[in-house]
Protein backbone atom coordinates (compact mmCIF):
# COMPACT_ATOMS: atom_id res chain seq x y z
CA MET A 1 -40.70 -31.14 -37.94
CA LYS A 2 -41.51 -27.78 -36.29
CA ALA A 3 -41.67 -29.41 -32.88
CA PHE A 4 -38.35 -31.17 -33.50
CA SER A 5 -36.69 -27.91 -34.59
CA LYS A 6 -38.01 -26.11 -31.53
CA THR A 7 -36.75 -28.86 -29.23
CA LEU A 8 -33.36 -28.81 -30.96
CA ALA A 9 -33.15 -25.01 -30.58
CA ILE A 10 -33.97 -25.18 -26.87
CA ALA A 11 -31.44 -27.94 -26.37
CA PHE A 12 -28.81 -25.94 -28.26
CA CYS A 13 -29.48 -22.80 -26.20
CA PHE A 14 -29.29 -24.78 -22.98
CA THR A 15 -26.04 -26.40 -24.09
CA VAL A 16 -24.50 -23.06 -25.08
CA SER A 17 -25.57 -21.46 -21.79
CA PHE A 18 -24.20 -24.40 -19.84
CA CYS A 19 -20.94 -24.31 -21.77
CA ASN A 20 -20.64 -20.56 -21.28
CA ALA A 21 -21.11 -21.00 -17.55
CA GLN A 22 -18.54 -23.77 -17.56
CA GLU A 23 -16.14 -21.52 -19.46
CA LEU A 24 -16.27 -18.78 -16.83
CA PRO A 25 -13.88 -19.85 -14.08
CA TYR A 26 -14.79 -16.93 -11.81
CA LEU A 27 -18.29 -18.38 -11.41
CA ASN A 28 -16.90 -21.72 -10.22
CA ASN A 29 -16.64 -21.59 -6.43
CA LYS A 30 -14.60 -24.79 -6.40
CA LEU A 31 -11.63 -22.88 -7.82
CA PRO A 32 -9.14 -20.98 -5.64
CA LEU A 33 -10.16 -17.44 -4.75
CA GLU A 34 -7.20 -15.81 -6.49
CA THR A 35 -7.94 -17.73 -9.69
CA ARG A 36 -11.50 -16.42 -9.68
CA VAL A 37 -10.43 -12.84 -8.99
CA ALA A 38 -7.81 -12.84 -11.75
CA ASP A 39 -10.20 -14.41 -14.26
CA LEU A 40 -12.97 -11.88 -13.67
CA LEU A 41 -10.61 -8.91 -13.59
CA LYS A 42 -9.14 -9.68 -17.02
CA ARG A 43 -12.65 -9.86 -18.55
CA MET A 44 -13.66 -6.38 -17.35
CA THR A 45 -13.37 -3.27 -19.49
CA LEU A 46 -11.62 -0.18 -18.18
CA GLU A 47 -14.97 1.54 -17.65
CA GLU A 48 -16.38 -1.46 -15.77
CA LYS A 49 -13.36 -1.51 -13.50
CA ALA A 50 -13.58 2.22 -12.88
CA MET A 51 -17.20 1.99 -11.79
CA GLN A 52 -16.25 -0.59 -9.15
CA MET A 53 -14.54 2.23 -7.27
CA HIS A 54 -17.81 3.89 -6.23
CA ASN A 55 -19.78 2.76 -3.18
CA ALA A 56 -22.82 2.22 -5.43
CA THR A 57 -21.52 -0.16 -8.10
CA PRO A 58 -23.81 -0.82 -11.07
CA ALA A 59 -24.56 -4.28 -12.39
CA VAL A 60 -22.50 -5.69 -15.27
CA GLU A 61 -25.02 -8.05 -16.80
CA ARG A 62 -22.74 -9.55 -19.42
CA LEU A 63 -20.44 -10.78 -16.63
CA LYS A 64 -23.22 -11.64 -14.18
CA ILE A 65 -21.97 -9.04 -11.70
CA PRO A 66 -24.97 -7.85 -9.66
CA ALA A 67 -25.36 -4.26 -8.52
CA TYR A 68 -23.93 -3.76 -5.05
CA ASP A 69 -23.71 -0.85 -2.62
CA TRP A 70 -20.81 -0.97 -0.17
CA TRP A 71 -22.38 1.56 2.19
CA ASN A 72 -24.23 0.10 5.13
CA GLU A 73 -24.29 0.90 8.84
CA ALA A 74 -24.40 -1.24 11.99
CA LEU A 75 -22.91 0.78 14.84
CA HIS A 76 -25.21 -0.76 17.44
CA GLY A 77 -27.67 -2.66 15.30
CA VAL A 78 -28.50 -2.78 11.58
CA ALA A 79 -29.23 0.86 10.73
CA ARG A 80 -31.24 2.84 8.22
CA ALA A 81 -32.97 -0.20 6.77
CA GLY A 82 -36.19 -0.42 8.73
CA LEU A 83 -36.98 -2.69 11.66
CA ALA A 84 -33.98 -3.91 13.66
CA THR A 85 -32.91 -4.60 17.21
CA SER A 86 -31.33 -1.49 18.72
CA PHE A 87 -28.51 -2.07 21.21
CA PRO A 88 -26.94 0.65 23.40
CA GLN A 89 -24.60 3.17 21.82
CA PRO A 90 -20.93 2.03 21.89
CA ILE A 91 -20.01 4.41 24.73
CA GLY A 92 -22.60 2.55 26.81
CA LEU A 93 -21.38 -0.82 25.58
CA ALA A 94 -17.87 0.14 26.68
CA ALA A 95 -19.15 0.69 30.21
CA THR A 96 -20.10 -3.00 30.38
CA PHE A 97 -16.47 -4.14 29.95
CA ASN A 98 -18.13 -7.27 28.58
CA GLU A 99 -16.30 -8.71 25.57
CA LYS A 100 -18.56 -11.76 25.39
CA GLY A 101 -21.65 -9.59 25.58
CA ILE A 102 -20.43 -7.52 22.65
CA PHE A 103 -19.47 -10.66 20.73
CA ASP A 104 -23.00 -12.01 21.28
CA MET A 105 -24.42 -8.65 20.22
CA GLY A 106 -22.38 -8.79 17.01
CA THR A 107 -23.71 -12.27 16.32
CA ALA A 108 -27.27 -11.02 16.70
CA VAL A 109 -26.65 -7.94 14.55
CA SER A 110 -24.96 -9.92 11.78
CA ASP A 111 -27.78 -12.48 11.85
CA GLU A 112 -30.24 -9.66 11.24
CA ALA A 113 -27.95 -8.16 8.61
CA ARG A 114 -27.80 -11.39 6.61
CA ALA A 115 -31.52 -11.99 6.91
CA LYS A 116 -32.37 -8.47 5.75
CA HIS A 117 -29.81 -8.54 2.90
CA HIS A 118 -31.12 -11.78 1.44
CA GLN A 119 -34.72 -10.63 1.75
CA PHE A 120 -33.84 -7.43 -0.11
CA ALA A 121 -31.93 -9.39 -2.78
CA ARG A 122 -34.83 -11.80 -3.32
CA GLU A 123 -37.01 -8.75 -3.94
CA GLY A 124 -34.49 -7.44 -6.48
CA LYS A 125 -33.32 -4.61 -4.20
CA ARG A 126 -29.59 -3.86 -4.06
CA GLU A 127 -29.49 -0.26 -2.94
CA ILE A 128 -27.76 1.71 -0.20
CA TYR A 129 -28.10 0.15 3.30
CA MET A 130 -28.91 -3.25 1.80
CA GLY A 131 -25.42 -4.72 1.39
CA LEU A 132 -23.18 -6.73 3.68
CA ASN A 133 -20.33 -4.29 4.23
CA PHE A 134 -20.79 -2.20 7.37
CA TYR A 135 -19.05 1.06 8.28
CA SER A 136 -18.51 -0.07 11.88
CA PRO A 137 -16.96 -0.12 14.42
CA ASN A 138 -15.75 3.37 15.26
CA VAL A 139 -12.52 2.82 17.21
CA ASN A 140 -11.40 6.42 17.39
CA ILE A 141 -10.25 7.59 20.81
CA PHE A 142 -12.73 9.74 22.75
CA ARG A 143 -10.18 12.02 24.36
CA ASP A 144 -12.13 15.30 24.51
CA PRO A 145 -15.71 15.15 25.91
CA ARG A 146 -16.66 18.12 23.75
CA TRP A 147 -16.45 15.93 20.64
CA GLY A 148 -20.04 15.49 19.55
CA ARG A 149 -19.56 12.00 18.14
CA GLY A 150 -17.82 10.48 21.14
CA HIS A 151 -20.85 8.32 21.89
CA GLU A 152 -20.05 6.32 18.72
CA THR A 153 -16.78 5.15 20.26
CA PHE A 154 -15.76 2.80 23.05
CA GLY A 155 -14.22 5.66 25.01
CA GLU A 156 -10.80 7.06 25.78
CA ASP A 157 -8.81 3.90 26.47
CA PRO A 158 -6.93 2.38 23.49
CA TYR A 159 -6.72 -1.10 25.02
CA LEU A 160 -10.40 -1.37 25.96
CA THR A 161 -11.37 0.08 22.59
CA GLY A 162 -9.26 -2.51 20.82
CA LYS A 163 -10.55 -5.47 22.85
CA LEU A 164 -14.21 -4.57 22.40
CA GLY A 165 -13.66 -3.71 18.74
CA VAL A 166 -12.06 -7.11 18.10
CA ALA A 167 -15.02 -8.87 19.74
CA PHE A 168 -17.43 -6.96 17.52
CA VAL A 169 -15.44 -7.62 14.33
CA LYS A 170 -15.02 -11.35 14.95
CA SER A 171 -18.71 -11.90 15.61
CA MET A 172 -19.86 -9.77 12.69
CA GLN A 173 -17.52 -11.39 10.14
CA GLY A 174 -18.16 -14.95 11.33
CA ASP A 175 -15.92 -18.00 11.32
CA ASN A 176 -16.87 -19.78 8.10
CA PRO A 177 -13.71 -20.77 6.16
CA ASN A 178 -15.23 -19.87 2.79
CA TYR A 179 -17.51 -16.90 3.37
CA PHE A 180 -17.68 -13.77 5.47
CA LYS A 181 -20.93 -13.36 7.32
CA THR A 182 -20.53 -9.61 6.86
CA ILE A 183 -17.51 -7.34 6.40
CA THR A 184 -16.81 -4.74 9.05
CA THR A 185 -14.98 -1.47 8.48
CA ALA A 186 -12.70 -0.03 11.15
CA LYS A 187 -13.04 3.74 11.12
CA HIS A 188 -11.88 6.54 10.96
CA PHE A 189 -8.20 5.89 10.19
CA ALA A 190 -6.53 7.82 11.76
CA VAL A 191 -6.29 10.46 14.53
CA HIS A 192 -9.92 11.45 13.97
CA SER A 193 -11.22 12.51 17.39
CA GLY A 194 -12.58 15.99 16.77
CA PRO A 195 -13.06 18.85 16.46
CA GLU A 196 -16.07 17.85 14.36
CA PRO A 197 -16.74 21.12 12.46
CA GLU A 198 -13.14 21.28 11.18
CA ARG A 199 -12.75 17.60 10.29
CA HIS A 200 -12.73 18.29 6.54
CA GLU A 201 -9.73 20.62 6.78
CA PHE A 202 -8.11 19.79 10.13
CA ASP A 203 -4.43 18.80 10.19
CA ALA A 204 -3.72 16.45 13.10
CA LYS A 205 -0.18 16.69 14.44
CA PRO A 206 0.14 14.38 17.45
CA SER A 207 3.53 13.58 18.87
CA GLU A 208 5.02 10.38 17.48
CA ARG A 209 4.56 8.75 20.89
CA ASP A 210 0.90 9.82 21.05
CA LEU A 211 0.29 8.49 17.54
CA TRP A 212 1.66 5.04 18.33
CA GLU A 213 0.49 4.73 21.95
CA THR A 214 -2.94 6.38 21.75
CA TYR A 215 -4.38 6.64 18.26
CA LEU A 216 -3.12 3.55 16.43
CA PRO A 217 -3.23 0.61 18.92
CA ALA A 218 -6.96 -0.12 18.57
CA PHE A 219 -6.69 -0.15 14.77
CA LYS A 220 -3.68 -2.45 15.01
CA MET A 221 -5.61 -4.87 17.26
CA LEU A 222 -8.52 -4.95 14.82
CA ALA A 223 -6.16 -5.63 11.90
CA GLN A 224 -4.00 -8.28 13.56
CA ASP A 225 -6.26 -9.87 16.20
CA GLY A 226 -9.71 -9.28 14.72
CA HIS A 227 -8.67 -9.67 11.05
CA VAL A 228 -11.04 -6.88 10.10
CA TYR A 229 -11.36 -6.85 6.31
CA SER A 230 -11.95 -3.17 5.68
CA PHE A 231 -10.64 0.16 6.92
CA MET A 232 -12.11 3.61 6.36
CA CYS A 233 -9.62 6.44 5.92
CA ALA A 234 -10.55 9.69 7.65
CA TYR A 235 -11.36 13.17 6.31
CA ASN A 236 -8.61 14.97 8.19
CA ARG A 237 -4.93 15.37 7.38
CA LEU A 238 -2.17 13.73 9.38
CA TYR A 239 1.11 15.63 9.42
CA GLY A 240 -0.05 17.62 6.40
CA LYS A 241 -1.31 14.73 4.24
CA PRO A 242 -5.02 13.82 3.79
CA CYS A 243 -5.49 10.39 5.37
CA CYS A 244 -7.12 9.05 2.20
CA SER A 245 -4.06 9.89 0.12
CA ASP A 246 -1.49 8.97 2.75
CA SER A 247 0.61 6.02 1.62
CA PHE A 248 2.39 6.08 4.99
CA LEU A 249 -0.93 5.21 6.68
CA LEU A 250 -2.55 2.96 4.09
CA ASN A 251 0.46 1.10 2.74
CA ASP A 252 3.44 1.42 5.09
CA ILE A 253 1.55 0.96 8.36
CA LEU A 254 -1.64 -0.84 7.39
CA ARG A 255 -0.50 -3.25 4.70
CA LYS A 256 3.24 -3.66 5.27
CA LYS A 257 3.62 -3.30 9.02
CA TRP A 258 0.28 -4.83 10.08
CA ASN A 259 -0.11 -7.23 7.12
CA PHE A 260 -3.66 -6.09 6.38
CA LYS A 261 -5.15 -8.00 3.42
CA GLY A 262 -8.50 -6.30 2.89
CA PHE A 263 -9.62 -3.08 1.21
CA VAL A 264 -9.75 0.57 2.21
CA ALA A 265 -12.84 2.74 1.74
CA THR A 266 -12.81 6.52 1.92
CA ASP A 267 -15.08 8.38 4.27
CA CYS A 268 -17.99 9.76 2.31
CA GLY A 269 -16.94 12.70 0.19
CA ALA A 270 -13.33 12.66 1.42
CA LEU A 271 -11.91 13.12 -2.08
CA TYR A 272 -13.86 16.36 -2.45
CA ASP A 273 -11.90 17.70 0.53
CA PHE A 274 -8.60 17.18 -1.30
CA TYR A 275 -9.21 20.09 -3.66
CA MET A 276 -11.81 22.12 -1.75
CA PHE A 277 -10.25 22.31 1.70
CA HIS A 278 -6.89 20.56 1.97
CA LYS A 279 -5.72 22.06 -1.35
CA THR A 280 -3.59 19.00 -2.13
CA ALA A 281 -5.28 18.43 -5.50
CA THR A 282 -6.61 20.80 -8.15
CA ASP A 283 -9.65 18.75 -9.17
CA SER A 284 -11.47 15.43 -8.80
CA VAL A 285 -9.22 13.73 -11.35
CA GLU A 286 -6.08 14.49 -9.36
CA ALA A 287 -7.88 13.55 -6.13
CA VAL A 288 -8.91 10.14 -7.48
CA ALA A 289 -5.40 9.40 -8.69
CA GLN A 290 -3.85 10.40 -5.36
CA ALA A 291 -6.27 8.22 -3.38
CA ILE A 292 -5.90 5.08 -5.51
CA LYS A 293 -2.11 5.35 -5.68
CA ALA A 294 -1.97 5.71 -1.88
CA GLY A 295 -4.06 2.57 -1.31
CA ALA A 296 -7.68 3.76 -1.05
CA ASP A 297 -9.74 1.23 -3.03
CA ASN A 298 -13.38 2.28 -2.73
CA GLN A 299 -14.83 5.78 -2.76
CA CYS A 300 -17.91 6.59 -0.74
CA TRP A 301 -19.55 9.48 -2.60
CA GLY A 302 -16.60 9.24 -4.91
CA TYR A 303 -15.63 10.14 -8.42
CA ALA A 304 -15.59 6.87 -10.34
CA LYS A 305 -16.02 8.80 -13.60
CA ALA A 306 -12.75 10.62 -12.90
CA VAL A 307 -10.75 7.37 -12.95
CA ILE A 308 -10.40 7.05 -16.73
CA PRO A 309 -9.41 10.73 -17.16
CA ALA A 310 -6.78 10.18 -14.46
CA ILE A 311 -5.31 7.34 -16.54
CA GLU A 312 -5.54 9.37 -19.75
CA ARG A 313 -3.69 12.26 -18.09
CA GLY A 314 -0.92 9.95 -16.93
CA LEU A 315 -1.73 10.46 -13.23
CA LEU A 316 -2.68 6.82 -12.67
CA LYS A 317 -1.70 3.49 -14.20
CA GLU A 318 -4.30 0.90 -15.13
CA SER A 319 -2.26 -1.64 -13.14
CA GLU A 320 -2.78 0.52 -10.03
CA LEU A 321 -6.51 0.55 -10.70
CA ASP A 322 -6.42 -3.23 -11.14
CA THR A 323 -4.85 -3.65 -7.71
CA ALA A 324 -7.71 -1.73 -6.09
CA VAL A 325 -10.44 -3.46 -8.09
CA ALA A 326 -8.98 -6.89 -7.28
CA ARG A 327 -9.27 -6.12 -3.57
CA LEU A 328 -12.93 -5.23 -4.00
CA LEU A 329 -13.71 -8.29 -6.13
CA ARG A 330 -11.96 -10.46 -3.55
CA ALA A 331 -14.29 -9.08 -0.88
CA LYS A 332 -17.36 -9.74 -3.03
CA PHE A 333 -16.30 -13.33 -3.63
CA LYS A 334 -15.75 -13.81 0.11
CA LEU A 335 -19.25 -12.48 0.79
CA GLY A 336 -20.72 -14.98 -1.68
CA VAL A 337 -22.02 -12.35 -4.10
CA PHE A 338 -21.26 -14.54 -7.13
CA ASP A 339 -22.37 -17.87 -5.67
CA ALA A 340 -25.70 -19.63 -5.27
CA GLU A 341 -27.47 -19.03 -1.96
CA SER A 342 -27.51 -22.77 -1.38
CA ASP A 343 -23.70 -22.76 -1.16
CA ASN A 344 -23.63 -20.10 1.55
CA PRO A 345 -24.77 -21.20 5.03
CA TYR A 346 -25.51 -17.62 6.08
CA SER A 347 -28.24 -17.29 3.45
CA ALA A 348 -30.38 -19.72 5.45
CA ILE A 349 -30.74 -17.34 8.42
CA PRO A 350 -34.50 -16.68 8.59
CA TYR A 351 -36.00 -13.19 8.58
CA SER A 352 -37.73 -14.02 11.86
CA VAL A 353 -34.49 -13.22 13.72
CA VAL A 354 -34.98 -9.51 12.97
CA ASN A 355 -35.94 -7.76 16.22
CA SER A 356 -36.75 -11.16 17.71
CA LYS A 357 -37.61 -11.59 21.40
CA ALA A 358 -34.22 -13.20 22.00
CA HIS A 359 -32.39 -10.23 20.47
CA GLN A 360 -34.54 -7.76 22.40
CA GLN A 361 -33.58 -9.56 25.60
CA GLN A 362 -29.90 -9.31 24.66
CA ALA A 363 -30.26 -5.57 24.08
CA LEU A 364 -32.00 -5.16 27.43
CA GLN A 365 -29.26 -7.06 29.24
CA MET A 366 -26.52 -4.97 27.62
CA ALA A 367 -28.40 -1.79 28.54
CA ARG A 368 -28.64 -2.93 32.16
CA GLU A 369 -24.93 -3.72 32.26
CA SER A 370 -24.07 -0.33 30.76
CA ILE A 371 -25.54 1.60 33.68
CA VAL A 372 -22.89 2.95 36.05
CA LEU A 373 -23.88 4.46 39.41
CA LEU A 374 -21.49 7.36 40.08
CA LYS A 375 -23.14 8.77 43.20
CA ASN A 376 -25.93 7.79 45.55
CA ASN A 377 -26.32 10.74 47.88
CA LYS A 378 -28.33 10.01 51.02
CA GLN A 379 -28.96 6.48 49.73
CA THR A 380 -31.68 7.70 47.40
CA LEU A 381 -31.47 4.49 45.38
CA PRO A 382 -33.11 2.07 45.31
CA LEU A 383 -36.31 4.08 45.42
CA LYS A 384 -38.44 3.33 48.43
CA GLN A 385 -41.82 1.79 47.73
CA SER A 386 -43.35 4.19 50.22
CA LEU A 387 -42.86 7.07 47.76
CA LYS A 388 -46.17 8.15 46.28
CA ASN A 389 -45.08 10.79 43.76
CA ILE A 390 -42.03 11.00 41.49
CA ALA A 391 -41.24 14.08 39.40
CA VAL A 392 -39.84 13.38 35.93
CA ILE A 393 -38.17 16.61 34.81
CA GLY A 394 -36.24 17.73 31.74
CA PRO A 395 -36.58 18.27 27.98
CA ASN A 396 -35.79 14.62 27.20
CA ALA A 397 -38.10 13.06 29.78
CA ASN A 398 -40.59 11.92 27.17
CA ASP A 399 -38.32 11.95 24.11
CA THR A 400 -38.09 8.59 22.35
CA GLU A 401 -35.88 9.72 19.48
CA ILE A 402 -32.90 10.75 21.59
CA LEU A 403 -32.73 7.27 23.11
CA LEU A 404 -31.79 5.77 19.75
CA GLY A 405 -28.54 7.70 19.37
CA ASN A 406 -27.36 7.74 15.76
CA TYR A 407 -26.70 5.15 13.05
CA ASN A 408 -29.66 3.28 14.47
CA GLY A 409 -32.33 0.92 13.24
CA GLU A 410 -36.02 1.24 13.96
CA PRO A 411 -37.13 -0.76 17.01
CA ALA A 412 -40.77 -1.78 17.12
CA HIS A 413 -41.39 0.23 20.30
CA VAL A 414 -39.35 2.75 22.27
CA ILE A 415 -40.03 3.38 25.95
CA SER A 416 -39.25 6.92 27.12
CA PRO A 417 -37.96 7.61 30.67
CA LEU A 418 -41.37 9.01 31.60
CA GLU A 419 -43.19 5.95 30.27
CA GLY A 420 -40.73 3.61 31.95
CA ILE A 421 -41.07 5.27 35.35
């Protein structure tokens, strides 16, 4: 009798669990995306929705929502997450003028990204730099060579920047009709090209012609030709308004004029600038309300706990919060966060692709193509084999760290100029 009761109890639990799963439409990947988004959104509490606004979103176990961190980097290879193939910095990639080469690079980088993400997830790790949303590419215009972050960009030309950015986005996001391979984030929107020290308080005031002919075209190409699914709003102000609370940028231009369908993330800590430097808000509660109302959906280093007070103070409507959260849930569904690995073809990419020989060869080829000979006085190059001694001079001659640039992964071995020569 005991055995029968135990069997009956197990069967009952299994049946209830199965029925519960069947009763949750958002877990059924056969249903339309919008049906799934709407179903999950209506089941979430106000607090659960508010916490989705932060880059590091906690798990909601009762709804089977896993923890997820939106912040990851892949400027020229998967960054800050251990071993990865390191490609040249974007300013070097731009010198190749090779769209296909950059597309192939993006394919390699996104392969490594997927492999690393799934390995982390299988180990129960869902922390920063382990997700599938990447804060790349940087398509700001490198107009002034004194700008210390110009090497992150594709240079000073809006058209070239746009073409290479589109190639990167398309390869990183993939072409599967149901799932994104990764999500790329076009940054920093907009008119963010230095000066670096003043970026948190700087008010950019380009002429209208300069705005539309220089600073916006690359972003437009990524939105309309590359179908990039995420934008990052910049720290600075544009015509007196912080970019992350500028409805003209995020709604009028991005969503209405360019028909952008994805989500907007703030640069990290941008909302802090509202009340500390820009003086457009008095506190974090006002800052959060301003950002969400203007169309910023996800806050890197944000103030998710200020969302509910913003609603209580009448600064924000819950329906406005719902719009932002729906955009983020939509992205998670399109990444396959709620679905079985077996349903997602990208989950089958093996970890062996990470820093593989094939990817190393790709990086080497792109590095070779990035080299531009500006002068060759007295036909010094190529070096004559008759030379017996070569002097390698300078503070960076044997520096391996400087070769990696920034937002970089960790290659297995770095060859310094001295070692190479």
